[in-house]
Amino acid sequence: MSSDIKGVSESLSQVSEIASKARSAQSVDPSQRTSGVESATDAVSFTETASRMRELEGSLRSVPVVDTQRVNEVKQAVADGTYEVSAARIAEKMIKFEGLLDEVGPKKG
């Protein structure tokens, strides 16, 4: 079932055509491209920041979300009864966290 909304199908066709041209331009070996001749395809260039962000994003994918070694150490300490809780350390972390919340936005309530 398809419904044609005025102008949408034409726009989708144009987008599809542009994407197809972009894919075919990417698949061409750089050594086969003609030099000195202006191409009919559009070019996209990324800023240094955007390129760096893509690199960092790729790097983060390889970093595990959870430090399994640390989790296992804590589990073992809890099981052995050697895990120590420092009330002072927890209080310091809570105060620091509250300070960060104040920086982010006003308190509600």
PDB file of N, CA and C in Angstrom:
ATOM      1  N   MET A   1       0.848  -1.175   0.000  1.00  0.00           N
ATOM      2  CA  MET A   1       0.000   0.000   0.000  1.00  0.00           C
ATOM      3  C   MET A   1       0.888   1.230   0.000  1.00  0.00           C
ATOM      4  N   SER A   2       0.691   2.092  -0.960  1.00  0.00           N
ATOM      5  CA  SER A   2       1.496   3.308  -0.991  1.00  0.00           C
ATOM      6  C   SER A   2       0.599   4.491  -1.261  1.00  0.00           C
ATOM      7  N   SER A   3       0.925   5.576  -0.618  1.00  0.00           N
ATOM      8  CA  SER A   3       0.179   6.807  -0.855  1.00  0.00           C
ATOM      9  C   SER A   3       1.173   7.863  -1.288  1.00  0.00           C
ATOM     10  N   ASP A   4       0.811   8.616  -2.312  1.00  0.00           N
ATOM     11  CA  ASP A   4       1.709   9.620  -2.861  1.00  0.00           C
ATOM     12  C   ASP A   4       1.342  10.980  -2.306  1.00  0.00           C
ATOM     13  N   ILE A   5       2.233  11.544  -1.530  1.00  0.00           N
ATOM     14  CA  ILE A   5       2.039  12.892  -1.021  1.00  0.00           C
ATOM     15  C   ILE A   5       2.738  13.824  -1.996  1.00  0.00           C
ATOM     16  N   LYS A   6       2.072  14.883  -2.369  1.00  0.00           N
ATOM     17  CA  LYS A   6       2.578  15.786  -3.391  1.00  0.00           C
ATOM     18  C   LYS A   6       4.007  16.235  -3.079  1.00  0.00           C
ATOM     19  N   GLY A   7       4.924  15.927  -3.972  1.00  0.00           N
ATOM     20  CA  GLY A   7       6.301  16.373  -3.852  1.00  0.00           C
ATOM     21  C   GLY A   7       7.211  15.432  -3.070  1.00  0.00           C
ATOM     22  N   VAL A   8       6.639  14.566  -2.228  1.00  0.00           N
ATOM     23  CA  VAL A   8       7.477  13.701  -1.398  1.00  0.00           C
ATOM     24  C   VAL A   8       8.155  12.635  -2.233  1.00  0.00           C
ATOM     25  N   SER A   9       7.408  11.996  -3.123  1.00  0.00           N
ATOM     26  CA  SER A   9       8.012  10.944  -3.928  1.00  0.00           C
ATOM     27  C   SER A   9       9.112  11.503  -4.836  1.00  0.00           C
ATOM     28  N   GLU A  10       8.921  12.732  -5.333  1.00  0.00           N
ATOM     29  CA  GLU A  10       9.951  13.355  -6.160  1.00  0.00           C
ATOM     30  C   GLU A  10      11.200  13.639  -5.328  1.00  0.00           C
ATOM     31  N   SER A  11      11.004  14.133  -4.106  1.00  0.00           N
ATOM     32  CA  SER A  11      12.130  14.419  -3.221  1.00  0.00           C
ATOM     33  C   SER A  11      12.876  13.152  -2.866  1.00  0.00           C
ATOM     34  N   LEU A  12      12.134  12.083  -2.596  1.00  0.00           N
ATOM     35  CA  LEU A  12      12.768  10.805  -2.274  1.00  0.00           C
ATOM     36  C   LEU A  12      13.580  10.296  -3.461  1.00  0.00           C
ATOM     37  N   SER A  13      13.060  10.479  -4.642  1.00  0.00           N
ATOM     38  CA  SER A  13      13.786  10.063  -5.845  1.00  0.00           C
ATOM     39  C   SER A  13      15.081  10.848  -5.984  1.00  0.00           C
ATOM     40  N   GLN A  14      15.032  12.143  -5.704  1.00  0.00           N
ATOM     41  CA  GLN A  14      16.222  12.974  -5.803  1.00  0.00           C
ATOM     42  C   GLN A  14      17.260  12.557  -4.766  1.00  0.00           C
ATOM     43  N   VAL A  15      16.798  12.309  -3.542  1.00  0.00           N
ATOM     44  CA  VAL A  15      17.711  11.881  -2.481  1.00  0.00           C
ATOM     45  C   VAL A  15      18.353  10.553  -2.859  1.00  0.00           C
ATOM     46  N   SER A  16      17.552   9.638  -3.354  1.00  0.00           N
ATOM     47  CA  SER A  16      18.057   8.330  -3.766  1.00  0.00           C
ATOM     48  C   SER A  16      19.091   8.465  -4.875  1.00  0.00           C
ATOM     49  N   GLU A  17      18.830   9.352  -5.824  1.00  0.00           N
ATOM     50  CA  GLU A  17      19.759   9.576  -6.935  1.00  0.00           C
ATOM     51  C   GLU A  17      21.082  10.160  -6.444  1.00  0.00           C
ATOM     52  N   ILE A  18      21.004  11.122  -5.525  1.00  0.00           N
ATOM     53  CA  ILE A  18      22.211  11.739  -4.965  1.00  0.00           C
ATOM     54  C   ILE A  18      23.023  10.708  -4.202  1.00  0.00           C
ATOM     55  N   ALA A  19      22.339   9.878  -3.393  1.00  0.00           N
ATOM     56  CA  ALA A  19      23.032   8.837  -2.624  1.00  0.00           C
ATOM     57  C   ALA A  19      23.699   7.837  -3.554  1.00  0.00           C
ATOM     58  N   SER A  20      23.022   7.493  -4.625  1.00  0.00           N
ATOM     59  CA  SER A  20      23.582   6.555  -5.596  1.00  0.00           C
ATOM     60  C   SER A  20      24.841   7.130  -6.248  1.00  0.00           C
ATOM     61  N   LYS A  21      24.793   8.400  -6.606  1.00  0.00           N
ATOM     62  CA  LYS A  21      25.962   9.055  -7.199  1.00  0.00           C
ATOM     63  C   LYS A  21      27.125   9.100  -6.204  1.00  0.00           C
ATOM     64  N   ALA A  22      26.799   9.380  -4.947  1.00  0.00           N
ATOM     65  CA  ALA A  22      27.843   9.449  -3.921  1.00  0.00           C
ATOM     66  C   ALA A  22      28.500   8.087  -3.738  1.00  0.00           C
ATOM     67  N   ARG A  23      27.679   7.026  -3.711  1.00  0.00           N
ATOM     68  CA  ARG A  23      28.244   5.673  -3.564  1.00  0.00           C
ATOM     69  C   ARG A  23      29.136   5.311  -4.750  1.00  0.00           C
ATOM     70  N   SER A  24      28.688   5.646  -5.941  1.00  0.00           N
ATOM     71  CA  SER A  24      29.482   5.304  -7.118  1.00  0.00           C
ATOM     72  C   SER A  24      30.763   6.136  -7.169  1.00  0.00           C
ATOM     73  N   ALA A  25      30.718   7.373  -6.688  1.00  0.00           N
ATOM     74  CA  ALA A  25      31.922   8.208  -6.661  1.00  0.00           C
ATOM     75  C   ALA A  25      32.921   7.664  -5.656  1.00  0.00           C
ATOM     76  N   GLN A  26      32.445   7.106  -4.549  1.00  0.00           N
ATOM     77  CA  GLN A  26      33.333   6.554  -3.533  1.00  0.00           C
ATOM     78  C   GLN A  26      33.968   5.257  -3.999  1.00  0.00           C
ATOM     79  N   SER A  27      33.262   4.516  -4.853  1.00  0.00           N
ATOM     80  CA  SER A  27      33.781   3.222  -5.277  1.00  0.00           C
ATOM     81  C   SER A  27      34.823   3.326  -6.385  1.00  0.00           C
ATOM     82  N   VAL A  28      34.988   4.499  -6.972  1.00  0.00           N
ATOM     83  CA  VAL A  28      35.971   4.687  -8.027  1.00  0.00           C
ATOM     84  C   VAL A  28      37.366   4.775  -7.414  1.00  0.00           C
ATOM     85  N   ASP A  29      38.295   4.007  -7.949  1.00  0.00           N
ATOM     86  CA  ASP A  29      39.679   4.026  -7.486  1.00  0.00           C
ATOM     87  C   ASP A  29      40.273   5.400  -7.780  1.00  0.00           C
ATOM     88  N   PRO A  30      40.927   6.043  -6.793  1.00  0.00           N
ATOM     89  CA  PRO A  30      41.474   7.388  -7.005  1.00  0.00           C
ATOM     90  C   PRO A  30      42.419   7.475  -8.203  1.00  0.00           C
ATOM     91  N   SER A  31      43.132   6.406  -8.510  1.00  0.00           N
ATOM     92  CA  SER A  31      44.056   6.430  -9.641  1.00  0.00           C
ATOM     93  C   SER A  31      43.321   6.452 -10.971  1.00  0.00           C
ATOM     94  N   GLN A  32      42.048   6.050 -10.984  1.00  0.00           N
ATOM     95  CA  GLN A  32      41.269   6.027 -12.217  1.00  0.00           C
ATOM     96  C   GLN A  32      40.524   7.335 -12.461  1.00  0.00           C
ATOM     97  N   ARG A  33      40.487   8.193 -11.476  1.00  0.00           N
ATOM     98  CA  ARG A  33      39.797   9.464 -11.650  1.00  0.00           C
ATOM     99  C   ARG A  33      40.607  10.354 -12.589  1.00  0.00           C
ATOM    100  N   THR A  34      39.913  11.109 -13.394  1.00  0.00           N
ATOM    101  CA  THR A  34      40.601  11.994 -14.324  1.00  0.00           C
ATOM    102  C   THR A  34      41.003  13.255 -13.599  1.00  0.00           C
ATOM    103  N   SER A  35      42.221  13.679 -13.813  1.00  0.00           N
ATOM    104  CA  SER A  35      42.688  14.892 -13.155  1.00  0.00           C
ATOM    105  C   SER A  35      42.476  16.073 -14.082  1.00  0.00           C
ATOM    106  N   GLY A  36      42.201  17.229 -13.492  1.00  0.00           N
ATOM    107  CA  GLY A  36      42.016  18.437 -14.276  1.00  0.00           C
ATOM    108  C   GLY A  36      40.630  18.582 -14.869  1.00  0.00           C
ATOM    109  N   VAL A  37      39.780  17.572 -14.712  1.00  0.00           N
ATOM    110  CA  VAL A  37      38.429  17.644 -15.239  1.00  0.00           C
ATOM    111  C   VAL A  37      37.477  17.766 -14.061  1.00  0.00           C
ATOM    112  N   GLU A  38      36.624  18.753 -14.124  1.00  0.00           N
ATOM    113  CA  GLU A  38      35.693  18.979 -13.030  1.00  0.00           C
ATOM    114  C   GLU A  38      34.623  17.895 -13.039  1.00  0.00           C
ATOM    115  N   SER A  39      34.355  17.340 -11.885  1.00  0.00           N
ATOM    116  CA  SER A  39      33.382  16.264 -11.758  1.00  0.00           C
ATOM    117  C   SER A  39      31.995  16.842 -11.520  1.00  0.00           C
ATOM    118  N   ALA A  40      30.978  16.102 -11.924  1.00  0.00           N
ATOM    119  CA  ALA A  40      29.602  16.540 -11.733  1.00  0.00           C
ATOM    120  C   ALA A  40      29.085  16.180 -10.343  1.00  0.00           C
ATOM    121  N   THR A  41      29.847  15.382  -9.598  1.00  0.00           N
ATOM    122  CA  THR A  41      29.387  14.980  -8.269  1.00  0.00           C
ATOM    123  C   THR A  41      29.822  16.003  -7.227  1.00  0.00           C
ATOM    124  N   ASP A  42      29.070  16.045  -6.144  1.00  0.00           N
ATOM    125  CA  ASP A  42      29.385  16.948  -5.051  1.00  0.00           C
ATOM    126  C   ASP A  42      30.484  16.349  -4.185  1.00  0.00           C
ATOM    127  N   ALA A  43      31.215  17.212  -3.510  1.00  0.00           N
ATOM    128  CA  ALA A  43      32.272  16.759  -2.613  1.00  0.00           C
ATOM    129  C   ALA A  43      31.939  17.215  -1.201  1.00  0.00           C
ATOM    130  N   VAL A  44      32.313  16.391  -0.241  1.00  0.00           N
ATOM    131  CA  VAL A  44      32.089  16.715   1.163  1.00  0.00           C
ATOM    132  C   VAL A  44      33.425  16.700   1.859  1.00  0.00           C
ATOM    133  N   SER A  45      33.685  17.736   2.639  1.00  0.00           N
ATOM    134  CA  SER A  45      34.914  17.733   3.425  1.00  0.00           C
ATOM    135  C   SER A  45      34.535  17.961   4.881  1.00  0.00           C
ATOM    136  N   PHE A  46      35.205  17.241   5.766  1.00  0.00           N
ATOM    137  CA  PHE A  46      34.929  17.333   7.184  1.00  0.00           C
ATOM    138  C   PHE A  46      35.936  18.252   7.841  1.00  0.00           C
ATOM    139  N   THR A  47      35.498  18.945   8.858  1.00  0.00           N
ATOM    140  CA  THR A  47      36.420  19.779   9.605  1.00  0.00           C
ATOM    141  C   THR A  47      37.350  18.873  10.397  1.00  0.00           C
ATOM    142  N   GLU A  48      38.427  19.436  10.855  1.00  0.00           N
ATOM    143  CA  GLU A  48      39.380  18.660  11.651  1.00  0.00           C
ATOM    144  C   GLU A  48      38.710  18.125  12.914  1.00  0.00           C
ATOM    145  N   THR A  49      37.845  18.925  13.496  1.00  0.00           N
ATOM    146  CA  THR A  49      37.144  18.507  14.710  1.00  0.00           C
ATOM    147  C   THR A  49      36.233  17.319  14.430  1.00  0.00           C
ATOM    148  N   ALA A  50      35.492  17.373  13.333  1.00  0.00           N
ATOM    149  CA  ALA A  50      34.595  16.274  12.986  1.00  0.00           C
ATOM    150  C   ALA A  50      35.390  14.999  12.710  1.00  0.00           C
ATOM    151  N   SER A  51      36.499  15.138  12.025  1.00  0.00           N
ATOM    152  CA  SER A  51      37.339  13.970  11.748  1.00  0.00           C
ATOM    153  C   SER A  51      37.877  13.379  13.040  1.00  0.00           C
ATOM    154  N   ARG A  52      38.295  14.236  13.942  1.00  0.00           N
ATOM    155  CA  ARG A  52      38.824  13.770  15.236  1.00  0.00           C
ATOM    156  C   ARG A  52      37.732  13.074  16.042  1.00  0.00           C
ATOM    157  N   MET A  53      36.520  13.625  15.983  1.00  0.00           N
ATOM    158  CA  MET A  53      35.395  13.012  16.696  1.00  0.00           C
ATOM    159  C   MET A  53      35.115  11.611  16.154  1.00  0.00           C
ATOM    160  N   ARG A  54      35.201  11.433  14.861  1.00  0.00           N
ATOM    161  CA  ARG A  54      34.988  10.104  14.271  1.00  0.00           C
ATOM    162  C   ARG A  54      36.062   9.136  14.732  1.00  0.00           C
ATOM    163  N   GLU A  55      37.305   9.610  14.821  1.00  0.00           N
ATOM    164  CA  GLU A  55      38.390   8.757  15.312  1.00  0.00           C
ATOM    165  C   GLU A  55      38.131   8.334  16.754  1.00  0.00           C
ATOM    166  N   LEU A  56      37.760   9.304  17.584  1.00  0.00           N
ATOM    167  CA  LEU A  56      37.496   9.019  18.995  1.00  0.00           C
ATOM    168  C   LEU A  56      36.308   8.079  19.161  1.00  0.00           C
ATOM    169  N   GLU A  57      35.304   8.275  18.344  1.00  0.00           N
ATOM    170  CA  GLU A  57      34.134   7.405  18.394  1.00  0.00           C
ATOM    171  C   GLU A  57      34.532   5.964  18.084  1.00  0.00           C
ATOM    172  N   GLY A  58      35.386   5.789  17.095  1.00  0.00           N
ATOM    173  CA  GLY A  58      35.871   4.452  16.757  1.00  0.00           C
ATOM    174  C   GLY A  58      36.689   3.849  17.879  1.00  0.00           C
ATOM    175  N   SER A  59      37.510   4.683  18.527  1.00  0.00           N
ATOM    176  CA  SER A  59      38.322   4.207  19.640  1.00  0.00           C
ATOM    177  C   SER A  59      37.448   3.770  20.813  1.00  0.00           C
ATOM    178  N   LEU A  60      36.399   4.529  21.074  1.00  0.00           N
ATOM    179  CA  LEU A  60      35.518   4.202  22.197  1.00  0.00           C
ATOM    180  C   LEU A  60      34.771   2.892  21.992  1.00  0.00           C
ATOM    181  N   ARG A  61      34.536   2.535  20.747  1.00  0.00           N
ATOM    182  CA  ARG A  61      33.842   1.274  20.478  1.00  0.00           C
ATOM    183  C   ARG A  61      34.652   0.075  20.967  1.00  0.00           C
ATOM    184  N   SER A  62      35.966   0.210  20.990  1.00  0.00           N
ATOM    185  CA  SER A  62      36.802  -0.907  21.400  1.00  0.00           C
ATOM    186  C   SER A  62      37.004  -0.980  22.909  1.00  0.00           C
ATOM    187  N   VAL A  63      36.584   0.063  23.627  1.00  0.00           N
ATOM    188  CA  VAL A  63      36.736   0.094  25.080  1.00  0.00           C
ATOM    189  C   VAL A  63      35.515  -0.560  25.710  1.00  0.00           C
ATOM    190  N   PRO A  64      35.725  -1.532  26.591  1.00  0.00           N
ATOM    191  CA  PRO A  64      34.564  -2.173  27.221  1.00  0.00           C
ATOM    192  C   PRO A  64      33.824  -1.201  28.129  1.00  0.00           C
ATOM    193  N   VAL A  65      32.528  -1.366  28.211  1.00  0.00           N
ATOM    194  CA  VAL A  65      31.697  -0.485  29.021  1.00  0.00           C
ATOM    195  C   VAL A  65      31.956  -0.732  30.501  1.00  0.00           C
ATOM    196  N   VAL A  66      32.245  -1.971  30.853  1.00  0.00           N
ATOM    197  CA  VAL A  66      32.455  -2.351  32.242  1.00  0.00           C
ATOM    198  C   VAL A  66      33.864  -2.911  32.397  1.00  0.00           C
ATOM    199  N   ASP A  67      34.538  -2.498  33.464  1.00  0.00           N
ATOM    200  CA  ASP A  67      35.863  -3.026  33.786  1.00  0.00           C
ATOM    201  C   ASP A  67      35.657  -4.352  34.520  1.00  0.00           C
ATOM    202  N   THR A  68      35.618  -5.438  33.767  1.00  0.00           N
ATOM    203  CA  THR A  68      35.298  -6.744  34.351  1.00  0.00           C
ATOM    204  C   THR A  68      36.319  -7.178  35.397  1.00  0.00           C
ATOM    205  N   GLN A  69      37.564  -6.796  35.218  1.00  0.00           N
ATOM    206  CA  GLN A  69      38.573  -7.150  36.207  1.00  0.00           C
ATOM    207  C   GLN A  69      38.259  -6.484  37.548  1.00  0.00           C
ATOM    208  N   ARG A  70      37.892  -5.210  37.514  1.00  0.00           N
ATOM    209  CA  ARG A  70      37.563  -4.494  38.751  1.00  0.00           C
ATOM    210  C   ARG A  70      36.305  -5.078  39.393  1.00  0.00           C
ATOM    211  N   VAL A  71      35.310  -5.416  38.573  1.00  0.00           N
ATOM    212  CA  VAL A  71      34.077  -6.008  39.084  1.00  0.00           C
ATOM    213  C   VAL A  71      34.388  -7.323  39.803  1.00  0.00           C
ATOM    214  N   ASN A  72      35.231  -8.129  39.193  1.00  0.00           N
ATOM    215  CA  ASN A  72      35.599  -9.407  39.809  1.00  0.00           C
ATOM    216  C   ASN A  72      36.369  -9.209  41.114  1.00  0.00           C
ATOM    217  N   GLU A  73      37.231  -8.196  41.156  1.00  0.00           N
ATOM    218  CA  GLU A  73      37.971  -7.902  42.383  1.00  0.00           C
ATOM    219  C   GLU A  73      37.030  -7.509  43.515  1.00  0.00           C
ATOM    220  N   VAL A  74      36.052  -6.661  43.211  1.00  0.00           N
ATOM    221  CA  VAL A  74      35.091  -6.224  44.225  1.00  0.00           C
ATOM    222  C   VAL A  74      34.229  -7.403  44.677  1.00  0.00           C
ATOM    223  N   LYS A  75      33.775  -8.215  43.726  1.00  0.00           N
ATOM    224  CA  LYS A  75      32.984  -9.400  44.078  1.00  0.00           C
ATOM    225  C   LYS A  75      33.753 -10.308  45.034  1.00  0.00           C
ATOM    226  N   GLN A  76      35.015 -10.519  44.710  1.00  0.00           N
ATOM    227  CA  GLN A  76      35.835 -11.389  45.543  1.00  0.00           C
ATOM    228  C   GLN A  76      36.031 -10.783  46.934  1.00  0.00           C
ATOM    229  N   ALA A  77      36.266  -9.479  47.006  1.00  0.00           N
ATOM    230  CA  ALA A  77      36.444  -8.813  48.301  1.00  0.00           C
ATOM    231  C   ALA A  77      35.171  -8.891  49.133  1.00  0.00           C
ATOM    232  N   VAL A  78      34.023  -8.734  48.494  1.00  0.00           N
ATOM    233  CA  VAL A  78      32.745  -8.842  49.211  1.00  0.00           C
ATOM    234  C   VAL A  78      32.560 -10.265  49.712  1.00  0.00           C
ATOM    235  N   ALA A  79      32.840 -11.238  48.848  1.00  0.00           N
ATOM    236  CA  ALA A  79      32.693 -12.647  49.234  1.00  0.00           C
ATOM    237  C   ALA A  79      33.634 -13.017  50.377  1.00  0.00           C
ATOM    238  N   ASP A  80      34.846 -12.461  50.371  1.00  0.00           N
ATOM    239  CA  ASP A  80      35.835 -12.746  51.414  1.00  0.00           C
ATOM    240  C   ASP A  80      35.572 -11.960  52.695  1.00  0.00           C
ATOM    241  N   GLY A  81      34.717 -10.930  52.600  1.00  0.00           N
ATOM    242  CA  GLY A  81      34.468 -10.077  53.755  1.00  0.00           C
ATOM    243  C   GLY A  81      35.554  -9.046  53.976  1.00  0.00           C
ATOM    244  N   THR A  82      36.365  -8.789  52.949  1.00  0.00           N
ATOM    245  CA  THR A  82      37.461  -7.829  53.078  1.00  0.00           C
ATOM    246  C   THR A  82      37.159  -6.489  52.412  1.00  0.00           C
ATOM    247  N   TYR A  83      35.980  -6.367  51.835  1.00  0.00           N
ATOM    248  CA  TYR A  83      35.626  -5.111  51.173  1.00  0.00           C
ATOM    249  C   TYR A  83      35.338  -4.063  52.236  1.00  0.00           C
ATOM    250  N   GLU A  84      36.016  -2.932  52.133  1.00  0.00           N
ATOM    251  CA  GLU A  84      35.853  -1.869  53.119  1.00  0.00           C
ATOM    252  C   GLU A  84      35.130  -0.683  52.499  1.00  0.00           C
ATOM    253  N   VAL A  85      34.193  -0.155  53.263  1.00  0.00           N
ATOM    254  CA  VAL A  85      33.442   1.018  52.825  1.00  0.00           C
ATOM    255  C   VAL A  85      33.911   2.211  53.649  1.00  0.00           C
ATOM    256  N   SER A  86      34.336   3.258  52.957  1.00  0.00           N
ATOM    257  CA  SER A  86      34.792   4.466  53.634  1.00  0.00           C
ATOM    258  C   SER A  86      33.679   5.511  53.578  1.00  0.00           C
ATOM    259  N   ALA A  87      33.062   5.751  54.727  1.00  0.00           N
ATOM    260  CA  ALA A  87      31.970   6.727  54.795  1.00  0.00           C
ATOM    261  C   ALA A  87      32.464   8.116  54.392  1.00  0.00           C
ATOM    262  N   ALA A  88      33.670   8.462  54.790  1.00  0.00           N
ATOM    263  CA  ALA A  88      34.223   9.777  54.453  1.00  0.00           C
ATOM    264  C   ALA A  88      34.391   9.917  52.939  1.00  0.00           C
ATOM    265  N   ARG A  89      34.871   8.877  52.301  1.00  0.00           N
ATOM    266  CA  ARG A  89      35.076   8.916  50.845  1.00  0.00           C
ATOM    267  C   ARG A  89      33.731   9.039  50.123  1.00  0.00           C
ATOM    268  N   ILE A  90      32.738   8.307  50.603  1.00  0.00           N
ATOM    269  CA  ILE A  90      31.402   8.382  49.995  1.00  0.00           C
ATOM    270  C   ILE A  90      30.830   9.791  50.155  1.00  0.00           C
ATOM    271  N   ALA A  91      30.984  10.371  51.339  1.00  0.00           N
ATOM    272  CA  ALA A  91      30.490  11.730  51.585  1.00  0.00           C
ATOM    273  C   ALA A  91      31.177  12.738  50.666  1.00  0.00           C
ATOM    274  N   GLU A  92      32.489  12.608  50.489  1.00  0.00           N
ATOM    275  CA  GLU A  92      33.224  13.519  49.598  1.00  0.00           C
ATOM    276  C   GLU A  92      32.707  13.407  48.164  1.00  0.00           C
ATOM    277  N   LYS A  93      32.476  12.180  47.712  1.00  0.00           N
ATOM    278  CA  LYS A  93      31.984  11.964  46.347  1.00  0.00           C
ATOM    279  C   LYS A  93      30.580  12.551  46.175  1.00  0.00           C
ATOM    280  N   MET A  94      29.736  12.410  47.211  1.00  0.00           N
ATOM    281  CA  MET A  94      28.383  12.957  47.138  1.00  0.00           C
ATOM    282  C   MET A  94      28.409  14.479  47.063  1.00  0.00           C
ATOM    283  N   ILE A  95      29.272  15.093  47.842  1.00  0.00           N
ATOM    284  CA  ILE A  95      29.394  16.558  47.830  1.00  0.00           C
ATOM    285  C   ILE A  95      29.909  17.029  46.471  1.00  0.00           C
ATOM    286  N   LYS A  96      30.872  16.328  45.926  1.00  0.00           N
ATOM    287  CA  LYS A  96      31.411  16.678  44.607  1.00  0.00           C
ATOM    288  C   LYS A  96      30.320  16.548  43.539  1.00  0.00           C
ATOM    289  N   PHE A  97      29.540  15.479  43.635  1.00  0.00           N
ATOM    290  CA  PHE A  97      28.458  15.256  42.680  1.00  0.00           C
ATOM    291  C   PHE A  97      27.414  16.377  42.776  1.00  0.00           C
ATOM    292  N   GLU A  98      27.065  16.767  43.980  1.00  0.00           N
ATOM    293  CA  GLU A  98      26.121  17.874  44.179  1.00  0.00           C
ATOM    294  C   GLU A  98      26.646  19.150  43.531  1.00  0.00           C
ATOM    295  N   GLY A  99      27.944  19.392  43.669  1.00  0.00           N
ATOM    296  CA  GLY A  99      28.549  20.566  43.045  1.00  0.00           C
ATOM    297  C   GLY A  99      28.434  20.526  41.537  1.00  0.00           C
ATOM    298  N   LEU A 100      28.616  19.342  40.959  1.00  0.00           N
ATOM    299  CA  LEU A 100      28.480  19.199  39.511  1.00  0.00           C
ATOM    300  C   LEU A 100      27.042  19.453  39.071  1.00  0.00           C
ATOM    301  N   LEU A 101      26.100  18.995  39.875  1.00  0.00           N
ATOM    302  CA  LEU A 101      24.686  19.228  39.541  1.00  0.00           C
ATOM    303  C   LEU A 101      24.366  20.719  39.556  1.00  0.00           C
ATOM    304  N   ASP A 102      24.950  21.445  40.505  1.00  0.00           N
ATOM    305  CA  ASP A 102      24.731  22.889  40.560  1.00  0.00           C
ATOM    306  C   ASP A 102      25.270  23.584  39.325  1.00  0.00           C
ATOM    307  N   GLU A 103      26.366  23.083  38.783  1.00  0.00           N
ATOM    308  CA  GLU A 103      26.956  23.671  37.578  1.00  0.00           C
ATOM    309  C   GLU A 103      26.082  23.427  36.351  1.00  0.00           C
ATOM    310  N   VAL A 104      25.420  22.283  36.320  1.00  0.00           N
ATOM    311  CA  VAL A 104      24.613  21.914  35.157  1.00  0.00           C
ATOM    312  C   VAL A 104      23.333  22.727  35.080  1.00  0.00           C
ATOM    313  N   GLY A 105      22.702  22.963  36.190  1.00  0.00           N
ATOM    314  CA  GLY A 105      21.451  23.712  36.136  1.00  0.00           C
ATOM    315  C   GLY A 105      20.933  24.028  37.517  1.00  0.00           C
ATOM    316  N   PRO A 106      19.912  24.847  37.549  1.00  0.00           N
ATOM    317  CA  PRO A 106      19.345  25.246  38.858  1.00  0.00           C
ATOM    318  C   PRO A 106      18.616  24.081  39.515  1.00  0.00           C
ATOM    319  N   LYS A 107      18.583  24.135  40.837  1.00  0.00           N
ATOM    320  CA  LYS A 107      17.866  23.107  41.589  1.00  0.00           C
ATOM    321  C   LYS A 107      16.372  23.325  41.427  1.00  0.00           C
ATOM    322  N   LYS A 108      15.659  22.246  41.355  1.00  0.00           N
ATOM    323  CA  LYS A 108      14.206  22.314  41.258  1.00  0.00           C
ATOM    324  C   LYS A 108      13.634  21.881  42.602  1.00  0.00           C
ATOM    325  N   GLY A 109      12.715  22.670  43.098  1.00  0.00           N
ATOM    326  CA  GLY A 109      12.026  22.254  44.314  1.00  0.00           C
ATOM    327  C   GLY A 109      12.412  22.952  45.533  1.00  0.00           C
TER     328      GLY A 109
END
